[in-house]
N, C-alpha and C. Protein backbone atom coordinates (compact mmCIF):
# COMPACT_ATOMS: atom_id res chain seq x y z
N UNK A 1 16.94 -6.81 5.80
CA UNK A 1 16.56 -5.47 6.16
C UNK A 1 16.30 -4.66 4.90
N UNK A 2 15.20 -3.91 4.87
CA UNK A 2 14.89 -3.12 3.67
C UNK A 2 15.65 -1.81 3.71
N UNK A 3 15.92 -1.32 2.55
CA UNK A 3 16.65 -0.05 2.44
C UNK A 3 15.65 1.08 2.34
N UNK A 4 15.09 1.46 3.50
CA UNK A 4 14.11 2.55 3.51
C UNK A 4 14.83 3.88 3.57
N UNK A 5 14.25 4.85 2.88
CA UNK A 5 14.79 6.20 2.95
C UNK A 5 14.27 6.85 4.22
N UNK A 6 15.16 7.45 4.95
CA UNK A 6 14.70 8.18 6.13
C UNK A 6 14.40 9.61 5.70
N UNK A 7 13.35 10.13 6.26
CA UNK A 7 12.98 11.51 5.94
C UNK A 7 14.03 12.44 6.54
N UNK A 8 14.53 13.31 5.69
CA UNK A 8 15.54 14.25 6.17
C UNK A 8 14.85 15.32 7.00
N UNK A 9 15.49 15.73 8.09
CA UNK A 9 14.88 16.78 8.91
C UNK A 9 14.76 18.07 8.11
N UNK A 10 13.68 18.77 8.35
CA UNK A 10 13.43 20.03 7.66
C UNK A 10 13.97 21.16 8.53
N UNK A 11 14.74 22.02 7.94
CA UNK A 11 15.35 23.11 8.70
C UNK A 11 14.29 24.16 9.06
N UNK A 12 14.59 24.92 10.09
CA UNK A 12 13.70 26.01 10.50
C UNK A 12 13.54 27.02 9.37
N UNK A 13 14.62 27.23 8.62
CA UNK A 13 14.58 28.17 7.49
C UNK A 13 13.62 27.68 6.41
N UNK A 14 13.66 26.37 6.12
CA UNK A 14 12.76 25.80 5.12
C UNK A 14 11.31 25.89 5.59
N UNK A 15 11.08 25.63 6.88
CA UNK A 15 9.72 25.76 7.42
C UNK A 15 9.23 27.20 7.33
N UNK A 16 10.12 28.14 7.63
CA UNK A 16 9.76 29.56 7.54
C UNK A 16 9.45 29.95 6.10
N UNK A 17 10.22 29.42 5.15
CA UNK A 17 9.96 29.69 3.73
C UNK A 17 8.60 29.15 3.32
N UNK A 18 8.24 27.96 3.81
CA UNK A 18 6.93 27.37 3.50
C UNK A 18 5.81 28.22 4.08
N UNK A 19 5.97 28.66 5.33
CA UNK A 19 4.95 29.52 5.95
C UNK A 19 4.81 30.83 5.19
N UNK A 20 5.94 31.40 4.76
CA UNK A 20 5.90 32.65 3.99
C UNK A 20 5.18 32.45 2.66
N UNK A 21 5.46 31.34 1.99
CA UNK A 21 4.81 31.06 0.71
C UNK A 21 3.30 30.87 0.90
N UNK A 22 2.91 30.20 1.97
CA UNK A 22 1.48 30.03 2.26
C UNK A 22 0.84 31.38 2.57
N UNK A 23 1.53 32.20 3.35
CA UNK A 23 1.00 33.52 3.70
C UNK A 23 0.81 34.37 2.44
N UNK A 24 1.76 34.31 1.52
CA UNK A 24 1.63 35.06 0.26
C UNK A 24 0.44 34.55 -0.55
N UNK A 25 0.22 33.24 -0.52
CA UNK A 25 -0.90 32.68 -1.26
C UNK A 25 -2.23 33.15 -0.68
N UNK A 26 -2.26 33.40 0.63
CA UNK A 26 -3.49 33.84 1.28
C UNK A 26 -3.62 35.36 1.34
N UNK A 27 -2.66 36.07 0.80
CA UNK A 27 -2.64 37.53 0.87
C UNK A 27 -3.42 38.16 -0.28
N UNK A 28 -4.53 37.57 -0.64
CA UNK A 28 -5.35 38.07 -1.74
C UNK A 28 -6.82 37.83 -1.41
N UNK A 29 -7.62 38.87 -1.47
CA UNK A 29 -9.05 38.69 -1.20
C UNK A 29 -9.66 37.72 -2.20
N UNK A 30 -9.22 37.78 -3.45
CA UNK A 30 -9.77 36.88 -4.47
C UNK A 30 -9.44 35.43 -4.13
N UNK A 31 -8.21 35.16 -3.72
CA UNK A 31 -7.85 33.78 -3.39
C UNK A 31 -8.61 33.28 -2.16
N UNK A 32 -8.81 34.15 -1.18
CA UNK A 32 -9.60 33.73 -0.01
C UNK A 32 -11.05 33.44 -0.42
N UNK A 33 -11.59 34.24 -1.34
CA UNK A 33 -12.96 33.99 -1.82
C UNK A 33 -13.04 32.70 -2.64
N UNK A 34 -11.99 32.39 -3.41
CA UNK A 34 -11.96 31.14 -4.17
C UNK A 34 -12.01 29.96 -3.21
N UNK A 35 -11.18 30.00 -2.19
CA UNK A 35 -11.14 28.91 -1.21
C UNK A 35 -12.52 28.70 -0.59
N UNK A 36 -13.17 29.77 -0.21
CA UNK A 36 -14.50 29.67 0.41
C UNK A 36 -15.53 29.16 -0.60
N UNK A 37 -15.42 29.62 -1.83
CA UNK A 37 -16.39 29.24 -2.87
C UNK A 37 -16.42 27.74 -3.10
N UNK A 38 -15.25 27.10 -3.05
CA UNK A 38 -15.19 25.66 -3.32
C UNK A 38 -15.00 24.85 -2.04
N UNK A 39 -15.51 25.37 -0.94
CA UNK A 39 -15.38 24.68 0.35
C UNK A 39 -16.03 23.31 0.31
N UNK A 40 -17.23 23.23 -0.26
CA UNK A 40 -17.95 21.95 -0.26
C UNK A 40 -18.56 21.57 -1.59
N UNK A 41 -18.33 22.40 -2.60
CA UNK A 41 -18.85 22.11 -3.94
C UNK A 41 -17.73 22.26 -4.96
N UNK A 42 -17.33 21.18 -5.61
CA UNK A 42 -16.28 21.29 -6.62
C UNK A 42 -16.77 22.14 -7.80
N UNK A 43 -15.94 23.10 -8.22
CA UNK A 43 -16.28 23.97 -9.35
C UNK A 43 -15.10 24.05 -10.30
N UNK A 44 -15.40 24.26 -11.56
CA UNK A 44 -14.36 24.45 -12.57
C UNK A 44 -13.90 25.91 -12.54
N UNK A 45 -12.81 26.17 -13.21
CA UNK A 45 -12.29 27.53 -13.32
C UNK A 45 -13.37 28.46 -13.89
N UNK A 46 -14.06 28.03 -14.95
CA UNK A 46 -15.10 28.86 -15.56
C UNK A 46 -16.25 29.12 -14.59
N UNK A 47 -16.67 28.10 -13.86
CA UNK A 47 -17.76 28.27 -12.89
C UNK A 47 -17.36 29.25 -11.79
N UNK A 48 -16.12 29.14 -11.31
CA UNK A 48 -15.65 30.07 -10.28
C UNK A 48 -15.56 31.49 -10.85
N UNK A 49 -15.05 31.61 -12.06
CA UNK A 49 -14.93 32.93 -12.69
C UNK A 49 -16.31 33.58 -12.82
N UNK A 50 -17.30 32.81 -13.25
CA UNK A 50 -18.66 33.33 -13.38
C UNK A 50 -19.21 33.77 -12.02
N UNK A 51 -19.01 32.94 -10.99
CA UNK A 51 -19.54 33.24 -9.66
C UNK A 51 -18.87 34.47 -9.04
N UNK A 52 -17.60 34.68 -9.35
CA UNK A 52 -16.85 35.78 -8.75
C UNK A 52 -16.76 37.01 -9.64
N UNK A 53 -17.25 36.91 -10.88
CA UNK A 53 -17.21 38.04 -11.80
C UNK A 53 -15.81 38.43 -12.22
N UNK A 54 -14.97 37.42 -12.46
CA UNK A 54 -13.57 37.63 -12.82
C UNK A 54 -13.28 36.91 -14.13
N UNK A 55 -12.45 37.46 -15.00
CA UNK A 55 -12.10 36.74 -16.23
C UNK A 55 -11.45 35.39 -15.90
N UNK A 56 -11.82 34.33 -16.63
CA UNK A 56 -11.27 33.00 -16.36
C UNK A 56 -9.75 32.93 -16.38
N UNK A 57 -9.09 33.67 -17.27
CA UNK A 57 -7.63 33.64 -17.34
C UNK A 57 -7.01 34.21 -16.07
N UNK A 58 -7.60 35.28 -15.55
CA UNK A 58 -7.12 35.88 -14.30
C UNK A 58 -7.30 34.89 -13.15
N UNK A 59 -8.46 34.28 -13.11
CA UNK A 59 -8.77 33.34 -12.04
C UNK A 59 -7.84 32.13 -12.07
N UNK A 60 -7.53 31.63 -13.26
CA UNK A 60 -6.70 30.43 -13.38
C UNK A 60 -5.33 30.62 -12.72
N UNK A 61 -4.76 31.80 -12.87
CA UNK A 61 -3.48 32.10 -12.21
C UNK A 61 -3.61 31.87 -10.70
N UNK A 62 -4.66 32.38 -10.10
CA UNK A 62 -4.88 32.26 -8.65
C UNK A 62 -5.17 30.81 -8.26
N UNK A 63 -5.97 30.13 -9.05
CA UNK A 63 -6.30 28.73 -8.78
C UNK A 63 -5.04 27.88 -8.80
N UNK A 64 -4.19 28.09 -9.79
CA UNK A 64 -2.95 27.30 -9.88
C UNK A 64 -2.05 27.52 -8.66
N UNK A 65 -1.95 28.76 -8.20
CA UNK A 65 -1.15 29.04 -7.01
C UNK A 65 -1.75 28.34 -5.79
N UNK A 66 -3.07 28.37 -5.65
CA UNK A 66 -3.72 27.71 -4.51
C UNK A 66 -3.54 26.19 -4.56
N UNK A 67 -3.55 25.61 -5.74
CA UNK A 67 -3.30 24.18 -5.89
C UNK A 67 -1.84 23.88 -5.51
N UNK A 68 -0.94 24.69 -6.02
CA UNK A 68 0.50 24.50 -5.75
C UNK A 68 0.79 24.55 -4.25
N UNK A 69 0.12 25.45 -3.52
CA UNK A 69 0.36 25.60 -2.09
C UNK A 69 -0.49 24.65 -1.24
N UNK A 70 -1.35 23.86 -1.88
CA UNK A 70 -2.13 22.86 -1.15
C UNK A 70 -3.43 23.36 -0.56
N UNK A 71 -3.89 24.53 -0.96
CA UNK A 71 -5.16 25.06 -0.46
C UNK A 71 -6.35 24.54 -1.26
N UNK A 72 -6.10 24.17 -2.53
CA UNK A 72 -7.12 23.57 -3.39
C UNK A 72 -6.62 22.23 -3.89
N UNK A 73 -7.56 21.33 -4.12
CA UNK A 73 -7.26 20.04 -4.72
C UNK A 73 -7.81 20.03 -6.13
N UNK A 74 -7.00 19.59 -7.07
CA UNK A 74 -7.43 19.45 -8.45
C UNK A 74 -8.07 18.07 -8.59
N UNK A 75 -9.33 18.02 -8.95
CA UNK A 75 -10.05 16.75 -9.06
C UNK A 75 -9.91 16.20 -10.49
N UNK A 76 -10.28 14.94 -10.70
CA UNK A 76 -10.16 14.36 -12.05
C UNK A 76 -10.98 15.14 -13.09
N UNK A 77 -10.47 15.16 -14.30
CA UNK A 77 -11.14 15.83 -15.41
C UNK A 77 -12.48 15.15 -15.66
N UNK A 78 -13.49 15.96 -15.98
CA UNK A 78 -14.82 15.43 -16.29
C UNK A 78 -15.30 16.04 -17.59
N UNK A 79 -16.36 15.51 -18.13
CA UNK A 79 -16.96 16.05 -19.36
C UNK A 79 -17.97 17.13 -19.00
N UNK A 80 -17.86 18.26 -19.65
CA UNK A 80 -18.78 19.37 -19.42
C UNK A 80 -20.07 19.19 -20.19
N UNK A 81 -20.93 20.18 -20.12
CA UNK A 81 -22.25 20.14 -20.75
C UNK A 81 -22.17 19.92 -22.26
N UNK A 82 -21.17 20.47 -22.90
CA UNK A 82 -21.03 20.35 -24.36
C UNK A 82 -19.98 19.31 -24.74
N UNK A 83 -19.62 18.46 -23.80
CA UNK A 83 -18.64 17.43 -24.09
C UNK A 83 -17.20 17.85 -23.92
N UNK A 84 -16.98 19.10 -23.55
CA UNK A 84 -15.60 19.57 -23.35
C UNK A 84 -15.05 19.01 -22.04
N UNK A 85 -13.72 18.95 -21.99
CA UNK A 85 -13.07 18.48 -20.77
C UNK A 85 -12.92 19.66 -19.81
N UNK A 86 -13.28 19.42 -18.57
CA UNK A 86 -13.13 20.47 -17.57
C UNK A 86 -12.65 19.87 -16.25
N UNK A 87 -11.88 20.64 -15.52
CA UNK A 87 -11.30 20.16 -14.27
C UNK A 87 -11.92 20.93 -13.10
N UNK A 88 -12.57 20.24 -12.18
CA UNK A 88 -13.10 20.91 -10.99
C UNK A 88 -12.04 20.97 -9.88
N UNK A 89 -12.24 21.90 -8.98
CA UNK A 89 -11.34 22.11 -7.85
C UNK A 89 -12.16 22.15 -6.57
N UNK A 90 -11.53 21.72 -5.47
CA UNK A 90 -12.19 21.67 -4.18
C UNK A 90 -11.20 22.13 -3.10
N UNK A 91 -11.69 22.86 -2.11
CA UNK A 91 -10.85 23.30 -1.01
C UNK A 91 -10.37 22.10 -0.19
N UNK A 92 -9.14 22.18 0.28
CA UNK A 92 -8.58 21.12 1.12
C UNK A 92 -8.80 21.36 2.61
N UNK A 93 -9.22 22.56 2.98
CA UNK A 93 -9.37 22.91 4.39
C UNK A 93 -8.08 23.41 5.02
N UNK A 94 -7.01 23.47 4.26
CA UNK A 94 -5.72 23.89 4.79
C UNK A 94 -5.75 25.33 5.31
N UNK A 95 -6.53 26.19 4.70
CA UNK A 95 -6.52 27.60 5.11
C UNK A 95 -7.01 27.76 6.54
N UNK A 96 -7.91 26.89 6.99
CA UNK A 96 -8.40 26.97 8.37
C UNK A 96 -7.28 26.63 9.34
N UNK A 97 -6.39 25.74 8.94
CA UNK A 97 -5.31 25.29 9.81
C UNK A 97 -4.05 26.14 9.69
N UNK A 98 -4.00 27.07 8.75
CA UNK A 98 -2.79 27.86 8.53
C UNK A 98 -2.67 28.95 9.59
N UNK A 99 -1.48 29.10 10.16
CA UNK A 99 -1.29 30.16 11.15
C UNK A 99 -1.37 31.54 10.49
N UNK A 100 -1.77 32.51 11.26
CA UNK A 100 -1.82 33.88 10.75
C UNK A 100 -0.41 34.36 10.47
N UNK A 101 -0.31 35.22 9.50
CA UNK A 101 0.98 35.80 9.14
C UNK A 101 0.82 37.31 9.04
N UNK A 102 1.92 38.05 9.15
CA UNK A 102 1.82 39.50 9.04
C UNK A 102 1.15 39.90 7.72
N UNK A 103 0.23 40.85 7.80
CA UNK A 103 -0.44 41.34 6.60
C UNK A 103 -1.73 40.62 6.26
N UNK A 104 -1.98 39.46 6.88
CA UNK A 104 -3.20 38.72 6.51
C UNK A 104 -4.45 39.32 7.14
N UNK A 105 -4.30 40.05 8.23
CA UNK A 105 -5.48 40.60 8.91
C UNK A 105 -6.27 41.52 7.99
N UNK A 106 -5.60 42.46 7.35
CA UNK A 106 -6.31 43.39 6.46
C UNK A 106 -6.96 42.65 5.29
N UNK A 107 -6.28 41.65 4.78
CA UNK A 107 -6.84 40.87 3.67
C UNK A 107 -8.10 40.14 4.12
N UNK A 108 -8.05 39.55 5.31
CA UNK A 108 -9.23 38.85 5.82
C UNK A 108 -10.40 39.80 6.07
N UNK A 109 -10.11 40.97 6.63
CA UNK A 109 -11.17 41.95 6.87
C UNK A 109 -11.76 42.42 5.55
N UNK A 110 -10.93 42.71 4.56
CA UNK A 110 -11.44 43.15 3.26
C UNK A 110 -12.25 42.06 2.58
N UNK A 111 -11.82 40.81 2.71
CA UNK A 111 -12.57 39.70 2.13
C UNK A 111 -13.95 39.60 2.79
N UNK A 112 -13.97 39.74 4.11
CA UNK A 112 -15.24 39.74 4.82
C UNK A 112 -16.14 40.87 4.32
N UNK A 113 -15.59 42.07 4.20
CA UNK A 113 -16.39 43.21 3.74
C UNK A 113 -16.93 42.98 2.33
N UNK A 114 -16.11 42.42 1.44
CA UNK A 114 -16.55 42.12 0.08
C UNK A 114 -17.71 41.12 0.09
N UNK A 115 -17.55 40.05 0.86
CA UNK A 115 -18.59 39.01 0.91
C UNK A 115 -19.84 39.52 1.62
N UNK A 116 -19.66 40.32 2.67
CA UNK A 116 -20.78 40.88 3.42
C UNK A 116 -21.60 41.81 2.53
N UNK A 117 -20.91 42.59 1.69
CA UNK A 117 -21.62 43.49 0.77
C UNK A 117 -22.48 42.70 -0.20
N UNK A 118 -21.99 41.56 -0.66
CA UNK A 118 -22.77 40.71 -1.56
C UNK A 118 -24.01 40.15 -0.88
N UNK A 119 -23.89 39.85 0.41
CA UNK A 119 -25.00 39.26 1.16
C UNK A 119 -26.08 40.29 1.50
N UNK A 120 -25.78 41.55 1.37
CA UNK A 120 -26.76 42.58 1.66
C UNK A 120 -26.69 43.09 3.09
N UNK A 121 -26.23 42.29 4.00
CA UNK A 121 -26.01 42.74 5.36
C UNK A 121 -27.21 42.76 6.26
N UNK A 122 -28.40 42.90 5.72
CA UNK A 122 -29.59 43.02 6.57
C UNK A 122 -29.92 41.72 7.29
N UNK A 123 -29.59 40.59 6.71
CA UNK A 123 -29.93 39.31 7.32
C UNK A 123 -28.81 38.80 8.23
N UNK A 124 -27.80 39.61 8.46
CA UNK A 124 -26.66 39.17 9.25
C UNK A 124 -26.95 39.24 10.74
N UNK A 125 -26.41 38.28 11.46
CA UNK A 125 -26.43 38.33 12.92
C UNK A 125 -25.14 39.01 13.33
N UNK A 126 -25.25 40.09 14.07
CA UNK A 126 -24.04 40.83 14.44
C UNK A 126 -24.07 41.15 15.92
N UNK A 127 -22.89 41.21 16.49
CA UNK A 127 -22.72 41.61 17.87
C UNK A 127 -21.48 42.48 17.94
N UNK A 128 -21.57 43.55 18.66
CA UNK A 128 -20.41 44.40 18.90
C UNK A 128 -20.38 44.65 20.39
N UNK A 129 -19.28 44.30 21.00
CA UNK A 129 -19.21 44.33 22.45
C UNK A 129 -17.86 44.87 22.89
N UNK A 130 -17.88 45.78 23.82
CA UNK A 130 -16.64 46.26 24.43
C UNK A 130 -16.53 45.64 25.82
N UNK A 131 -15.41 45.05 26.10
CA UNK A 131 -15.19 44.44 27.41
C UNK A 131 -13.84 44.89 27.96
N UNK A 132 -13.64 44.65 29.24
CA UNK A 132 -12.35 44.93 29.87
C UNK A 132 -11.94 43.62 30.55
N UNK A 133 -10.83 43.04 30.08
CA UNK A 133 -10.40 41.73 30.57
C UNK A 133 -8.94 41.75 30.99
N UNK A 134 -8.64 40.98 32.01
CA UNK A 134 -7.25 40.75 32.38
C UNK A 134 -6.62 39.88 31.29
N UNK A 135 -5.30 39.82 31.20
CA UNK A 135 -4.69 38.93 30.22
C UNK A 135 -5.17 37.47 30.36
N UNK A 136 -5.36 37.02 31.59
CA UNK A 136 -5.82 35.65 31.81
C UNK A 136 -7.23 35.44 31.25
N UNK A 137 -8.13 36.40 31.51
CA UNK A 137 -9.50 36.28 31.01
C UNK A 137 -9.56 36.43 29.49
N UNK A 138 -8.70 37.31 28.94
CA UNK A 138 -8.61 37.45 27.48
C UNK A 138 -8.18 36.13 26.85
N UNK A 139 -7.16 35.50 27.43
CA UNK A 139 -6.69 34.22 26.90
C UNK A 139 -7.75 33.14 27.02
N UNK A 140 -8.50 33.17 28.13
CA UNK A 140 -9.59 32.20 28.31
C UNK A 140 -10.65 32.39 27.22
N UNK A 141 -11.01 33.64 26.94
CA UNK A 141 -11.99 33.92 25.90
C UNK A 141 -11.49 33.42 24.55
N UNK A 142 -10.24 33.68 24.24
CA UNK A 142 -9.66 33.20 22.98
C UNK A 142 -9.72 31.68 22.88
N UNK A 143 -9.33 31.00 23.96
CA UNK A 143 -9.37 29.53 23.95
C UNK A 143 -10.78 29.01 23.74
N UNK A 144 -11.75 29.60 24.43
CA UNK A 144 -13.13 29.13 24.32
C UNK A 144 -13.69 29.37 22.92
N UNK A 145 -13.41 30.55 22.37
CA UNK A 145 -13.89 30.83 21.01
C UNK A 145 -13.20 29.94 19.99
N UNK A 146 -11.88 29.78 20.12
CA UNK A 146 -11.16 28.88 19.20
C UNK A 146 -11.71 27.47 19.28
N UNK A 147 -12.02 27.02 20.47
CA UNK A 147 -12.58 25.68 20.65
C UNK A 147 -13.94 25.56 19.94
N UNK A 148 -14.78 26.58 20.10
CA UNK A 148 -16.09 26.56 19.44
C UNK A 148 -15.94 26.57 17.91
N UNK A 149 -15.08 27.45 17.40
CA UNK A 149 -14.87 27.50 15.95
C UNK A 149 -14.30 26.18 15.43
N UNK A 150 -13.34 25.60 16.18
CA UNK A 150 -12.76 24.33 15.75
C UNK A 150 -13.80 23.22 15.75
N UNK A 151 -14.70 23.23 16.72
CA UNK A 151 -15.78 22.24 16.77
C UNK A 151 -16.61 22.28 15.49
N UNK A 152 -16.96 23.48 15.05
CA UNK A 152 -17.76 23.59 13.83
C UNK A 152 -16.93 23.33 12.58
N UNK A 153 -15.66 23.65 12.60
CA UNK A 153 -14.79 23.35 11.46
C UNK A 153 -14.62 21.85 11.29
N UNK A 154 -14.60 21.11 12.41
CA UNK A 154 -14.38 19.66 12.37
C UNK A 154 -15.63 18.87 12.02
N UNK A 155 -16.79 19.42 12.24
CA UNK A 155 -18.00 18.64 12.01
C UNK A 155 -18.37 18.61 10.54
N UNK A 156 -19.08 17.57 10.15
CA UNK A 156 -19.55 17.46 8.78
C UNK A 156 -20.63 18.51 8.53
N UNK A 157 -20.61 19.07 7.33
CA UNK A 157 -21.64 20.04 6.98
C UNK A 157 -23.00 19.36 6.91
N UNK A 158 -24.05 20.10 7.25
CA UNK A 158 -25.41 19.60 7.08
C UNK A 158 -25.72 19.61 5.59
N UNK A 159 -26.03 18.45 5.04
CA UNK A 159 -26.26 18.30 3.60
C UNK A 159 -27.30 19.28 3.09
N UNK A 160 -28.38 19.45 3.82
CA UNK A 160 -29.45 20.36 3.40
C UNK A 160 -29.31 21.74 4.04
N UNK A 161 -28.15 22.01 4.63
CA UNK A 161 -27.96 23.26 5.34
C UNK A 161 -27.72 24.45 4.44
N UNK A 162 -27.90 25.61 5.01
CA UNK A 162 -27.68 26.89 4.32
C UNK A 162 -26.20 27.26 4.42
N UNK A 163 -25.56 27.66 3.32
CA UNK A 163 -24.15 28.09 3.42
C UNK A 163 -24.06 29.40 4.20
N UNK A 164 -23.27 29.39 5.24
CA UNK A 164 -23.08 30.57 6.09
C UNK A 164 -21.59 30.87 6.22
N UNK A 165 -21.29 32.11 6.50
CA UNK A 165 -19.91 32.53 6.67
C UNK A 165 -19.78 33.20 8.04
N UNK A 166 -18.72 32.85 8.75
CA UNK A 166 -18.45 33.45 10.06
C UNK A 166 -17.18 34.27 9.98
N UNK A 167 -17.18 35.39 10.67
CA UNK A 167 -15.98 36.22 10.78
C UNK A 167 -15.93 36.72 12.21
N UNK A 168 -14.79 36.60 12.84
CA UNK A 168 -14.62 37.08 14.20
C UNK A 168 -13.32 37.85 14.30
N UNK A 169 -13.35 38.96 15.01
CA UNK A 169 -12.13 39.72 15.26
C UNK A 169 -12.19 40.27 16.69
N UNK A 170 -11.10 40.12 17.40
CA UNK A 170 -10.96 40.72 18.72
C UNK A 170 -9.73 41.60 18.65
N UNK A 171 -9.87 42.86 19.06
CA UNK A 171 -8.75 43.80 18.95
C UNK A 171 -8.75 44.75 20.13
N UNK A 172 -7.64 45.42 20.31
CA UNK A 172 -7.54 46.43 21.35
C UNK A 172 -8.50 47.56 21.03
N UNK A 173 -9.15 48.08 22.05
CA UNK A 173 -10.08 49.20 21.88
C UNK A 173 -9.28 50.49 22.09
N UNK A 174 -8.61 50.90 21.04
CA UNK A 174 -7.66 52.02 21.12
C UNK A 174 -8.37 53.32 21.51
N UNK A 175 -9.55 53.57 21.00
CA UNK A 175 -10.26 54.82 21.32
C UNK A 175 -10.57 54.92 22.80
N UNK A 176 -11.05 53.84 23.40
CA UNK A 176 -11.33 53.84 24.84
C UNK A 176 -10.05 54.01 25.64
N UNK A 177 -8.99 53.34 25.23
CA UNK A 177 -7.71 53.46 25.95
C UNK A 177 -7.18 54.89 25.88
N UNK A 178 -7.31 55.52 24.72
CA UNK A 178 -6.85 56.91 24.58
C UNK A 178 -7.68 57.84 25.46
N UNK A 179 -9.00 57.63 25.44
CA UNK A 179 -9.88 58.49 26.23
C UNK A 179 -9.56 58.35 27.72
N UNK A 180 -9.35 57.13 28.17
CA UNK A 180 -9.01 56.91 29.59
C UNK A 180 -7.68 57.55 29.93
N UNK A 181 -6.70 57.37 29.07
CA UNK A 181 -5.38 57.95 29.31
C UNK A 181 -5.46 59.47 29.33
N UNK A 182 -6.26 60.03 28.42
CA UNK A 182 -6.41 61.47 28.34
C UNK A 182 -7.08 62.02 29.61
N UNK A 183 -8.09 61.27 30.11
CA UNK A 183 -8.78 61.73 31.31
C UNK A 183 -7.88 61.67 32.55
N UNK A 184 -6.82 60.87 32.48
CA UNK A 184 -5.85 60.77 33.57
C UNK A 184 -4.64 61.68 33.32
N UNK A 185 -4.64 62.39 32.19
CA UNK A 185 -3.53 63.26 31.86
C UNK A 185 -2.34 62.52 31.28
N UNK A 186 -2.58 61.34 30.75
CA UNK A 186 -1.47 60.54 30.22
C UNK A 186 -1.62 60.32 28.71
N UNK A 187 -2.32 61.20 28.03
CA UNK A 187 -2.61 61.03 26.62
C UNK A 187 -1.39 60.93 25.73
N UNK A 188 -0.29 61.55 26.12
CA UNK A 188 0.89 61.52 25.27
C UNK A 188 1.62 60.19 25.29
N UNK A 189 1.21 59.29 26.20
CA UNK A 189 1.89 58.00 26.31
C UNK A 189 1.40 56.97 25.29
N UNK A 190 0.29 57.24 24.61
CA UNK A 190 -0.26 56.28 23.65
C UNK A 190 0.10 56.66 22.24
N UNK A 191 0.19 55.68 21.38
CA UNK A 191 0.50 55.99 19.99
C UNK A 191 -0.63 56.76 19.33
N UNK A 192 -0.31 57.56 18.31
CA UNK A 192 -1.36 58.36 17.64
C UNK A 192 -2.36 57.50 16.93
């Protein structure tokens, strides 16, 4: 019989600490942009710094944290244009699978706004829709959208395809709810 080591069970506290560390790593618009930048093209620290308009030393701190948390993979060292050694990095896809954590919503929205501003916005496909759904229908919509997003996340990228970015948010329509409550004389029951 071989003397195999059995994996020790991981405590709930240790799992929570890991989730918190991942959430902190994703709590930066710059780090979210780094992950997206190297989604399918390995880039060096200098190449990422140039693309993002950030000093290389500043960027390296963020890259190292993303590698440490498993969001980026450090690829083998290669020779650069002038013979220097350089290390490229590539996204692992972990950020797509990471659960949301408190505080990440604002970071994701700001990252979207930063990237959208760079794209110019005029060529964007946009939809804004107000709906009224029961909890069951809301959950159905979430499941269907998650399924569609997961389908595209799982498929191989089109080699000759155009790089595109998707952002989706569904939230309570607080203004409509306040207006309805106010028209019924219940305006004081909603938060300011």
